[in-house]
Amino acid sequence: MISVIASIRIKSGKIPEFLEICKANVPTVRAEKGCLEYMPTADIDSKLPTQGLDPQLITIIEKWESLEALHRHLKAPHMLTYRDKVKDLVEERTLKVLTEA
């Protein structure tokens, strides 16, 4: 299993527009062969001392059956369309691709 933490910094004032586009894409992603989990998330204040809060950051938590499934996902037509729709809303994006240690 492959886990992905996709951190997406959204331009100021653009979170609602980004989430609308992102959430509309979620059912299509979840229907992809090999997708086990795909969920956009946002920081909440847990009051834990080591937590860093970032109101402009959306984190997508993903789980895939394999690295091959993740690669197919990244090339899927709906993902190309999604990236085009959000490109002017995003400041920065980083990925962490993980496997069990």
C-alpha atoms as a PDB file:
ATOM      1  CA  MET A   1       0.000   0.000   0.000  1.00  0.00           C
ATOM      2  CA  ILE A   2       1.125   3.532  -0.822  1.00  0.00           C
ATOM      3  CA  SER A   3       0.103   6.572   1.239  1.00  0.00           C
ATOM      4  CA  VAL A   4       0.253  10.094  -0.128  1.00  0.00           C
ATOM      5  CA  ILE A   5       0.130  13.360   1.770  1.00  0.00           C
ATOM      6  CA  ALA A   6      -0.490  16.146  -0.750  1.00  0.00           C
ATOM      7  CA  SER A   7      -0.129  19.600   0.809  1.00  0.00           C
ATOM      8  CA  ILE A   8      -1.633  22.371  -1.287  1.00  0.00           C
ATOM      9  CA  ARG A   9      -1.221  26.021  -0.313  1.00  0.00           C
ATOM     10  CA  ILE A  10      -4.177  27.975  -1.650  1.00  0.00           C
ATOM     11  CA  LYS A  11      -4.121  31.677  -2.492  1.00  0.00           C
ATOM     12  CA  SER A  12      -5.768  33.989   0.011  1.00  0.00           C
ATOM     13  CA  GLY A  13      -9.554  34.064  -0.334  1.00  0.00           C
ATOM     14  CA  LYS A  14      -9.617  31.114  -2.766  1.00  0.00           C
ATOM     15  CA  ILE A  15     -10.222  28.205  -0.347  1.00  0.00           C
ATOM     16  CA  PRO A  16     -14.007  27.950  -1.015  1.00  0.00           C
ATOM     17  CA  GLU A  17     -13.511  27.924  -4.790  1.00  0.00           C
ATOM     18  CA  PHE A  18     -10.703  25.373  -4.540  1.00  0.00           C
ATOM     19  CA  LEU A  19     -12.708  23.069  -2.269  1.00  0.00           C
ATOM     20  CA  GLU A  20     -15.723  23.180  -4.576  1.00  0.00           C
ATOM     21  CA  ILE A  21     -13.582  21.997  -7.508  1.00  0.00           C
ATOM     22  CA  CYS A  22     -11.668  19.471  -5.410  1.00  0.00           C
ATOM     23  CA  LYS A  23     -14.744  17.914  -3.787  1.00  0.00           C
ATOM     24  CA  ALA A  24     -16.468  17.614  -7.173  1.00  0.00           C
ATOM     25  CA  ASN A  25     -13.497  15.485  -8.313  1.00  0.00           C
ATOM     26  CA  VAL A  26     -13.408  13.213  -5.241  1.00  0.00           C
ATOM     27  CA  PRO A  27     -16.057  10.651  -6.332  1.00  0.00           C
ATOM     28  CA  THR A  28     -14.281  10.133  -9.665  1.00  0.00           C
ATOM     29  CA  VAL A  29     -10.932   9.630  -7.921  1.00  0.00           C
ATOM     30  CA  ARG A  30     -12.429   7.219  -5.382  1.00  0.00           C
ATOM     31  CA  ALA A  31     -13.842   5.168  -8.272  1.00  0.00           C
ATOM     32  CA  GLU A  32     -10.367   4.713  -9.788  1.00  0.00           C
ATOM     33  CA  LYS A  33      -8.943   1.207  -9.766  1.00  0.00           C
ATOM     34  CA  GLY A  34      -6.498   0.980  -6.879  1.00  0.00           C
ATOM     35  CA  CYS A  35      -7.801   3.936  -4.859  1.00  0.00           C
ATOM     36  CA  LEU A  36      -8.360   3.000  -1.222  1.00  0.00           C
ATOM     37  CA  GLU A  37      -8.831   6.488   0.225  1.00  0.00           C
ATOM     38  CA  TYR A  38      -8.871  10.061  -1.055  1.00  0.00           C
ATOM     39  CA  MET A  39      -9.948  12.900   1.202  1.00  0.00           C
ATOM     40  CA  PRO A  40      -9.270  16.658   1.294  1.00  0.00           C
ATOM     41  CA  THR A  41      -8.674  17.905   4.842  1.00  0.00           C
ATOM     42  CA  ALA A  42      -8.040  21.214   6.614  1.00  0.00           C
ATOM     43  CA  ASP A  43      -6.305  22.089   9.873  1.00  0.00           C
ATOM     44  CA  ILE A  44      -8.328  22.289  13.071  1.00  0.00           C
ATOM     45  CA  ASP A  45      -7.022  23.727  16.308  1.00  0.00           C
ATOM     46  CA  SER A  46      -6.407  20.659  18.463  1.00  0.00           C
ATOM     47  CA  LYS A  47      -4.677  22.657  21.224  1.00  0.00           C
ATOM     48  CA  LEU A  48      -1.702  20.290  20.922  1.00  0.00           C
ATOM     49  CA  PRO A  49       1.513  22.189  21.627  1.00  0.00           C
ATOM     50  CA  THR A  50       3.422  20.978  18.571  1.00  0.00           C
ATOM     51  CA  GLN A  51       0.698  21.597  16.006  1.00  0.00           C
ATOM     52  CA  GLY A  52       1.283  24.203  13.345  1.00  0.00           C
ATOM     53  CA  LEU A  53      -1.919  25.703  11.967  1.00  0.00           C
ATOM     54  CA  ASP A  54      -2.108  26.989   8.416  1.00  0.00           C
ATOM     55  CA  PRO A  55      -5.490  28.285   7.235  1.00  0.00           C
ATOM     56  CA  GLN A  56      -4.311  28.423   3.611  1.00  0.00           C
ATOM     57  CA  LEU A  57      -3.288  24.752   3.487  1.00  0.00           C
ATOM     58  CA  ILE A  58      -5.474  21.913   2.221  1.00  0.00           C
ATOM     59  CA  THR A  59      -4.033  18.456   2.759  1.00  0.00           C
ATOM     60  CA  ILE A  60      -5.259  15.583   0.649  1.00  0.00           C
ATOM     61  CA  ILE A  61      -4.793  12.215   2.305  1.00  0.00           C
ATOM     62  CA  GLU A  62      -4.600   9.374  -0.185  1.00  0.00           C
ATOM     63  CA  LYS A  63      -4.075   5.616  -0.051  1.00  0.00           C
ATOM     64  CA  TRP A  64      -3.389   3.510  -3.120  1.00  0.00           C
ATOM     65  CA  GLU A  65      -3.032  -0.235  -3.620  1.00  0.00           C
ATOM     66  CA  SER A  66       0.276   0.270  -5.423  1.00  0.00           C
ATOM     67  CA  LEU A  67       2.686   2.783  -6.863  1.00  0.00           C
ATOM     68  CA  GLU A  68       1.364   1.828 -10.315  1.00  0.00           C
ATOM     69  CA  ALA A  69      -2.173   2.826  -9.257  1.00  0.00           C
ATOM     70  CA  LEU A  70      -0.855   6.187  -8.051  1.00  0.00           C
ATOM     71  CA  HIS A  71       0.928   6.770 -11.366  1.00  0.00           C
ATOM     72  CA  ARG A  72      -2.274   5.925 -13.295  1.00  0.00           C
ATOM     73  CA  HIS A  73      -4.173   8.381 -11.079  1.00  0.00           C
ATOM     74  CA  LEU A  74      -1.756  11.206 -11.814  1.00  0.00           C
ATOM     75  CA  LYS A  75      -2.209  10.689 -15.574  1.00  0.00           C
ATOM     76  CA  ALA A  76      -5.996  10.214 -15.490  1.00  0.00           C
ATOM     77  CA  PRO A  77      -7.939  12.645 -17.736  1.00  0.00           C
ATOM     78  CA  HIS A  78     -10.039  13.923 -14.816  1.00  0.00           C
ATOM     79  CA  MET A  79      -6.856  14.778 -12.896  1.00  0.00           C
ATOM     80  CA  LEU A  80      -5.461  16.718 -15.841  1.00  0.00           C
ATOM     81  CA  THR A  81      -8.751  18.660 -16.003  1.00  0.00           C
ATOM     82  CA  TYR A  82      -8.733  19.192 -12.216  1.00  0.00           C
ATOM     83  CA  ARG A  83      -5.163  20.552 -12.238  1.00  0.00           C
ATOM     84  CA  ASP A  84      -6.068  22.940 -15.043  1.00  0.00           C
ATOM     85  CA  LYS A  85      -9.124  24.204 -13.116  1.00  0.00           C
ATOM     86  CA  VAL A  86      -7.198  24.880  -9.888  1.00  0.00           C
ATOM     87  CA  LYS A  87      -3.880  26.115 -11.309  1.00  0.00           C
ATOM     88  CA  ASP A  88      -4.700  29.805 -10.690  1.00  0.00           C
ATOM     89  CA  LEU A  89      -5.880  29.089  -7.129  1.00  0.00           C
ATOM     90  CA  VAL A  90      -2.759  27.266  -5.945  1.00  0.00           C
ATOM     91  CA  GLU A  91       0.403  28.922  -4.635  1.00  0.00           C
ATOM     92  CA  GLU A  92       2.417  25.793  -3.911  1.00  0.00           C
ATOM     93  CA  ARG A  93       2.051  22.024  -3.733  1.00  0.00           C
ATOM     94  CA  THR A  94       4.206  19.342  -2.148  1.00  0.00           C
ATOM     95  CA  LEU A  95       3.859  15.583  -2.034  1.00  0.00           C
ATOM     96  CA  LYS A  96       4.999  12.955   0.410  1.00  0.00           C
ATOM     97  CA  VAL A  97       4.711   9.457  -1.012  1.00  0.00           C
ATOM     98  CA  LEU A  98       5.078   6.852   1.722  1.00  0.00           C
ATOM     99  CA  THR A  99       5.117   3.120   2.286  1.00  0.00           C
ATOM    100  CA  GLU A 100       5.094   1.135   5.493  1.00  0.00           C
ATOM    101  CA  ALA A 101       8.460   1.214   7.266  1.00  0.00           C
END
